[in-house]
Amino acid sequence: MDFIEEFVADITPTEFEQLCVRLFVSTMNTHDGKYSVDHNIIKKVPDGEYQIDIEVRHQIGLMSYITHIECKNRTSKVKREDVQKVYDILRACGAHKGIIISKSGFQSGAKQYAKVHNIGLIQVVNGSLFAYQATLSPMAYMPNYPRHVAVMYDSEYDVFIHILTENNLDYLKEYMVG
């Protein structure tokens, strides 16, 4: 059992979708170039149609980038097959990066596949993680922690490393535009 599983978010489907969209709108609001964040769109490509939960388009200089975000609000962990499907959709739609957001975590096979194919993994958890973190590092104490936060897995996909809130999105921005 992963340590983070103790903090599984108690969140409604609507709250989950809104949090995911806000996470990327907030990230891109700090971006210097042009950007757009679209929610629940249908992409028509030569091999069919795909529903995309969140599409972020941003421009750095003359270069344009597309990131697709898949939101998994379910009670079971994301499986390898789910990550494979996201990767296939990224390729079919011409997206440059992909991110999967889950409230229940990721199976080891999903983490392994995401690592090989550079797909970012984020888990939405209860904000009480901050209270736990405070017991480990008094400098990190936040008396008014948010109800929900997101954690992004490190480059080895074995432990979470970056706690993301709407005021602390540097690592996510670096992943997307860095």
C-alpha atoms as a PDB file:
ATOM      1  CA  MET A   1       0.000   0.000   0.000  1.00  0.00           C
ATOM      2  CA  ASP A   2       1.324   3.432  -0.962  1.00  0.00           C
ATOM      3  CA  PHE A   3       1.641   5.999   1.800  1.00  0.00           C
ATOM      4  CA  ILE A   4      -0.533   8.422  -0.174  1.00  0.00           C
ATOM      5  CA  GLU A   5      -3.476   5.985  -0.200  1.00  0.00           C
ATOM      6  CA  GLU A   6      -4.286   7.092   3.342  1.00  0.00           C
ATOM      7  CA  PHE A   7      -5.299  10.489   1.973  1.00  0.00           C
ATOM      8  CA  VAL A   8      -7.744   9.446  -0.795  1.00  0.00           C
ATOM      9  CA  ALA A   9      -9.972  12.420  -1.566  1.00  0.00           C
ATOM     10  CA  ASP A  10     -13.607  12.422  -0.575  1.00  0.00           C
ATOM     11  CA  ILE A  11     -14.777  14.498  -3.525  1.00  0.00           C
ATOM     12  CA  THR A  12     -17.873  14.613  -5.709  1.00  0.00           C
ATOM     13  CA  PRO A  13     -17.570  14.147  -9.484  1.00  0.00           C
ATOM     14  CA  THR A  14     -18.398  17.829 -10.056  1.00  0.00           C
ATOM     15  CA  GLU A  15     -15.835  19.000  -7.477  1.00  0.00           C
ATOM     16  CA  PHE A  16     -13.223  16.709  -9.032  1.00  0.00           C
ATOM     17  CA  GLU A  17     -13.735  18.063 -12.568  1.00  0.00           C
ATOM     18  CA  GLN A  18     -13.743  21.674 -11.327  1.00  0.00           C
ATOM     19  CA  LEU A  19     -10.562  21.136  -9.302  1.00  0.00           C
ATOM     20  CA  CYS A  20      -8.803  19.582 -12.306  1.00  0.00           C
ATOM     21  CA  VAL A  21      -9.756  22.479 -14.584  1.00  0.00           C
ATOM     22  CA  ARG A  22      -8.773  25.091 -11.951  1.00  0.00           C
ATOM     23  CA  LEU A  23      -5.396  23.397 -11.519  1.00  0.00           C
ATOM     24  CA  PHE A  24      -4.519  23.990 -15.166  1.00  0.00           C
ATOM     25  CA  VAL A  25      -6.114  27.427 -15.485  1.00  0.00           C
ATOM     26  CA  SER A  26      -4.079  28.517 -12.446  1.00  0.00           C
ATOM     27  CA  THR A  27      -0.919  26.951 -13.889  1.00  0.00           C
ATOM     28  CA  MET A  28      -1.293  28.689 -17.217  1.00  0.00           C
ATOM     29  CA  ASN A  29      -2.221  32.041 -15.621  1.00  0.00           C
ATOM     30  CA  THR A  30       1.436  32.243 -14.576  1.00  0.00           C
ATOM     31  CA  HIS A  31       2.610  31.473 -18.130  1.00  0.00           C
ATOM     32  CA  ASP A  32       4.130  34.329 -20.129  1.00  0.00           C
ATOM     33  CA  GLY A  33       2.862  33.233 -23.556  1.00  0.00           C
ATOM     34  CA  LYS A  34      -0.535  32.667 -25.114  1.00  0.00           C
ATOM     35  CA  TYR A  35      -2.594  29.774 -23.757  1.00  0.00           C
ATOM     36  CA  SER A  36      -6.049  28.254 -23.683  1.00  0.00           C
ATOM     37  CA  VAL A  37      -7.641  25.660 -21.396  1.00  0.00           C
ATOM     38  CA  ASP A  38     -10.660  23.788 -22.771  1.00  0.00           C
ATOM     39  CA  HIS A  39     -12.803  21.299 -20.883  1.00  0.00           C
ATOM     40  CA  ASN A  40     -14.699  18.266 -22.219  1.00  0.00           C
ATOM     41  CA  ILE A  41     -14.001  18.584 -25.926  1.00  0.00           C
ATOM     42  CA  ILE A  42     -14.365  16.189 -28.850  1.00  0.00           C
ATOM     43  CA  LYS A  43     -11.328  15.894 -31.135  1.00  0.00           C
ATOM     44  CA  LYS A  44     -12.050  14.719 -34.675  1.00  0.00           C
ATOM     45  CA  VAL A  45      -8.997  13.108 -36.256  1.00  0.00           C
ATOM     46  CA  PRO A  46      -8.564  10.791 -39.272  1.00  0.00           C
ATOM     47  CA  ASP A  47      -9.019   7.595 -37.229  1.00  0.00           C
ATOM     48  CA  GLY A  48     -12.085   8.725 -35.258  1.00  0.00           C
ATOM     49  CA  GLU A  49     -13.366  10.985 -32.517  1.00  0.00           C
ATOM     50  CA  TYR A  50     -11.938  11.254 -29.012  1.00  0.00           C
ATOM     51  CA  GLN A  51     -13.335  12.897 -25.901  1.00  0.00           C
ATOM     52  CA  ILE A  52     -10.651  14.930 -24.106  1.00  0.00           C
ATOM     53  CA  ASP A  53     -11.290  15.923 -20.480  1.00  0.00           C
ATOM     54  CA  ILE A  54      -8.951  18.941 -20.535  1.00  0.00           C
ATOM     55  CA  GLU A  55      -6.836  20.294 -23.372  1.00  0.00           C
ATOM     56  CA  VAL A  56      -4.209  22.923 -22.664  1.00  0.00           C
ATOM     57  CA  ARG A  57      -2.665  24.768 -25.604  1.00  0.00           C
ATOM     58  CA  HIS A  58       0.208  27.136 -24.991  1.00  0.00           C
ATOM     59  CA  GLN A  59       2.756  28.976 -27.019  1.00  0.00           C
ATOM     60  CA  ILE A  60       6.374  29.772 -26.245  1.00  0.00           C
ATOM     61  CA  GLY A  61       7.837  32.036 -28.870  1.00  0.00           C
ATOM     62  CA  LEU A  62       6.961  30.498 -32.222  1.00  0.00           C
ATOM     63  CA  MET A  63       6.397  27.008 -30.805  1.00  0.00           C
ATOM     64  CA  SER A  64       2.922  25.710 -29.903  1.00  0.00           C
ATOM     65  CA  TYR A  65       2.334  22.829 -27.484  1.00  0.00           C
ATOM     66  CA  ILE A  66      -0.705  20.718 -26.652  1.00  0.00           C
ATOM     67  CA  THR A  67      -1.192  18.822 -23.386  1.00  0.00           C
ATOM     68  CA  HIS A  68      -4.102  16.440 -22.880  1.00  0.00           C
ATOM     69  CA  ILE A  69      -5.303  15.705 -19.373  1.00  0.00           C
ATOM     70  CA  GLU A  70      -7.417  12.664 -18.536  1.00  0.00           C
ATOM     71  CA  CYS A  71      -9.393  12.868 -15.271  1.00  0.00           C
ATOM     72  CA  LYS A  72     -10.132   9.555 -13.522  1.00  0.00           C
ATOM     73  CA  ASN A  73     -12.649  10.031 -10.715  1.00  0.00           C
ATOM     74  CA  ARG A  74     -13.119   6.427  -9.685  1.00  0.00           C
ATOM     75  CA  THR A  75     -12.703   4.317  -6.592  1.00  0.00           C
ATOM     76  CA  SER A  76     -10.155   1.919  -8.090  1.00  0.00           C
ATOM     77  CA  LYS A  77      -6.561   2.652  -9.060  1.00  0.00           C
ATOM     78  CA  VAL A  78      -5.753   3.582 -12.652  1.00  0.00           C
ATOM     79  CA  LYS A  79      -4.554   0.507 -14.556  1.00  0.00           C
ATOM     80  CA  ARG A  80      -1.827   0.119 -17.158  1.00  0.00           C
ATOM     81  CA  GLU A  81      -4.501  -0.312 -19.857  1.00  0.00           C
ATOM     82  CA  ASP A  82      -5.918   3.114 -18.962  1.00  0.00           C
ATOM     83  CA  VAL A  83      -2.500   4.726 -19.423  1.00  0.00           C
ATOM     84  CA  GLN A  84      -2.003   2.868 -22.714  1.00  0.00           C
ATOM     85  CA  LYS A  85      -5.329   4.220 -23.970  1.00  0.00           C
ATOM     86  CA  VAL A  86      -4.332   7.770 -23.013  1.00  0.00           C
ATOM     87  CA  TYR A  87      -1.004   7.341 -24.814  1.00  0.00           C
ATOM     88  CA  ASP A  88      -2.794   6.099 -27.959  1.00  0.00           C
ATOM     89  CA  ILE A  89      -5.130   9.115 -27.858  1.00  0.00           C
ATOM     90  CA  LEU A  90      -2.165  11.494 -27.405  1.00  0.00           C
ATOM     91  CA  ARG A  91      -0.530  10.075 -30.520  1.00  0.00           C
ATOM     92  CA  ALA A  92      -3.754  10.053 -32.559  1.00  0.00           C
ATOM     93  CA  CYS A  93      -4.550  13.675 -31.671  1.00  0.00           C
ATOM     94  CA  GLY A  94      -0.984  14.996 -31.966  1.00  0.00           C
ATOM     95  CA  ALA A  95      -0.650  16.131 -28.356  1.00  0.00           C
ATOM     96  CA  HIS A  96       2.873  16.731 -27.062  1.00  0.00           C
ATOM     97  CA  LYS A  97       2.309  15.731 -23.443  1.00  0.00           C
ATOM     98  CA  GLY A  98      -0.213  13.843 -21.391  1.00  0.00           C
ATOM     99  CA  ILE A  99      -1.251  13.899 -17.759  1.00  0.00           C
ATOM    100  CA  ILE A 100      -3.607  11.598 -15.870  1.00  0.00           C
ATOM    101  CA  ILE A 101      -5.296  12.841 -12.706  1.00  0.00           C
ATOM    102  CA  SER A 102      -6.761  10.238 -10.342  1.00  0.00           C
ATOM    103  CA  LYS A 103      -8.332  10.340  -6.918  1.00  0.00           C
ATOM    104  CA  SER A 104      -7.504   6.705  -6.167  1.00  0.00           C
ATOM    105  CA  GLY A 105      -3.905   6.373  -7.305  1.00  0.00           C
ATOM    106  CA  PHE A 106      -2.162   4.216  -9.889  1.00  0.00           C
ATOM    107  CA  GLN A 107      -1.275   0.540 -10.134  1.00  0.00           C
ATOM    108  CA  SER A 108       2.435  -0.252 -10.483  1.00  0.00           C
ATOM    109  CA  GLY A 109       2.023  -1.228 -14.153  1.00  0.00           C
ATOM    110  CA  ALA A 110       0.359   2.115 -14.864  1.00  0.00           C
ATOM    111  CA  LYS A 111       3.259   3.967 -13.222  1.00  0.00           C
ATOM    112  CA  GLN A 112       5.791   1.934 -15.181  1.00  0.00           C
ATOM    113  CA  TYR A 113       4.076   2.582 -18.535  1.00  0.00           C
ATOM    114  CA  ALA A 114       3.639   6.296 -17.743  1.00  0.00           C
ATOM    115  CA  LYS A 115       7.336   6.583 -16.887  1.00  0.00           C
ATOM    116  CA  VAL A 116       8.442   5.012 -20.183  1.00  0.00           C
ATOM    117  CA  HIS A 117       6.103   7.249 -22.198  1.00  0.00           C
ATOM    118  CA  ASN A 118       6.585  10.472 -20.179  1.00  0.00           C
ATOM    119  CA  ILE A 119       2.985  10.775 -19.024  1.00  0.00           C
ATOM    120  CA  GLY A 120       2.561  12.852 -15.874  1.00  0.00           C
ATOM    121  CA  LEU A 121       0.643  11.335 -12.962  1.00  0.00           C
ATOM    122  CA  ILE A 122      -1.255  13.433 -10.442  1.00  0.00           C
ATOM    123  CA  GLN A 123      -3.384  12.255  -7.542  1.00  0.00           C
ATOM    124  CA  VAL A 124      -6.017  14.414  -5.865  1.00  0.00           C
ATOM    125  CA  VAL A 125      -5.934  13.861  -2.111  1.00  0.00           C
ATOM    126  CA  ASN A 126      -7.484  15.302   1.020  1.00  0.00           C
ATOM    127  CA  GLY A 127      -5.848  18.508   2.163  1.00  0.00           C
ATOM    128  CA  SER A 128      -5.161  16.852   5.512  1.00  0.00           C
ATOM    129  CA  LEU A 129      -1.926  15.703   3.885  1.00  0.00           C
ATOM    130  CA  PHE A 130      -0.624  19.137   4.898  1.00  0.00           C
ATOM    131  CA  ALA A 131      -1.364  18.392   8.530  1.00  0.00           C
ATOM    132  CA  TYR A 132       0.575  15.138   8.219  1.00  0.00           C
ATOM    133  CA  GLN A 133       3.428  16.920   6.457  1.00  0.00           C
ATOM    134  CA  ALA A 134       3.515  19.419   9.312  1.00  0.00           C
ATOM    135  CA  THR A 135       4.322  16.607  11.721  1.00  0.00           C
ATOM    136  CA  LEU A 136       7.345  15.792   9.549  1.00  0.00           C
ATOM    137  CA  SER A 137       8.461  19.352   8.902  1.00  0.00           C
ATOM    138  CA  PRO A 138       7.284  22.136  11.211  1.00  0.00           C
ATOM    139  CA  MET A 139       8.308  24.664   8.564  1.00  0.00           C
ATOM    140  CA  ALA A 140       5.594  23.285   6.247  1.00  0.00           C
ATOM    141  CA  TYR A 141       2.702  23.804   8.658  1.00  0.00           C
ATOM    142  CA  MET A 142      -0.422  25.330   7.114  1.00  0.00           C
ATOM    143  CA  PRO A 143      -3.176  25.904   9.676  1.00  0.00           C
ATOM    144  CA  ASN A 144      -5.796  26.557   6.967  1.00  0.00           C
ATOM    145  CA  TYR A 145      -4.944  23.847   4.494  1.00  0.00           C
ATOM    146  CA  PRO A 146      -7.220  23.447   1.454  1.00  0.00           C
ATOM    147  CA  ARG A 147      -9.891  20.749   1.404  1.00  0.00           C
ATOM    148  CA  HIS A 148      -8.244  19.007  -1.558  1.00  0.00           C
ATOM    149  CA  VAL A 149      -4.754  19.190  -3.025  1.00  0.00           C
ATOM    150  CA  ALA A 150      -2.998  17.365  -5.830  1.00  0.00           C
ATOM    151  CA  VAL A 151       0.305  15.538  -5.631  1.00  0.00           C
ATOM    152  CA  MET A 152       2.473  14.889  -8.665  1.00  0.00           C
ATOM    153  CA  TYR A 153       4.659  11.806  -8.788  1.00  0.00           C
ATOM    154  CA  ASP A 154       8.411  12.245  -9.188  1.00  0.00           C
ATOM    155  CA  SER A 155      10.308  11.263 -12.345  1.00  0.00           C
ATOM    156  CA  GLU A 156      10.720   7.715 -11.021  1.00  0.00           C
ATOM    157  CA  TYR A 157       6.941   7.369 -10.506  1.00  0.00           C
ATOM    158  CA  ASP A 158       7.436   5.587  -7.217  1.00  0.00           C
ATOM    159  CA  VAL A 159       6.687   8.316  -4.707  1.00  0.00           C
ATOM    160  CA  PHE A 160       4.878  11.620  -4.835  1.00  0.00           C
ATOM    161  CA  ILE A 161       7.122  14.599  -4.528  1.00  0.00           C
ATOM    162  CA  HIS A 162       5.307  17.791  -5.401  1.00  0.00           C
ATOM    163  CA  ILE A 163       2.214  19.018  -3.578  1.00  0.00           C
ATOM    164  CA  LEU A 164       0.212  21.181  -5.946  1.00  0.00           C
ATOM    165  CA  THR A 165      -2.243  23.825  -4.810  1.00  0.00           C
ATOM    166  CA  GLU A 166      -3.562  26.784  -6.756  1.00  0.00           C
ATOM    167  CA  ASN A 167      -0.770  28.847  -5.144  1.00  0.00           C
ATOM    168  CA  ASN A 168       2.029  26.312  -5.668  1.00  0.00           C
ATOM    169  CA  LEU A 169       2.147  25.093  -9.267  1.00  0.00           C
ATOM    170  CA  ASP A 170       5.772  25.603 -10.266  1.00  0.00           C
ATOM    171  CA  TYR A 171       6.567  21.913 -10.800  1.00  0.00           C
ATOM    172  CA  LEU A 172       3.467  21.353 -12.939  1.00  0.00           C
ATOM    173  CA  LYS A 173       4.279  24.430 -15.022  1.00  0.00           C
ATOM    174  CA  GLU A 174       7.863  23.208 -15.437  1.00  0.00           C
ATOM    175  CA  TYR A 175       6.603  19.800 -16.589  1.00  0.00           C
ATOM    176  CA  MET A 176       4.234  21.367 -19.124  1.00  0.00           C
ATOM    177  CA  VAL A 177       6.341  24.183 -20.553  1.00  0.00           C
ATOM    178  CA  GLY A 178       9.871  23.424 -19.396  1.00  0.00           C
END
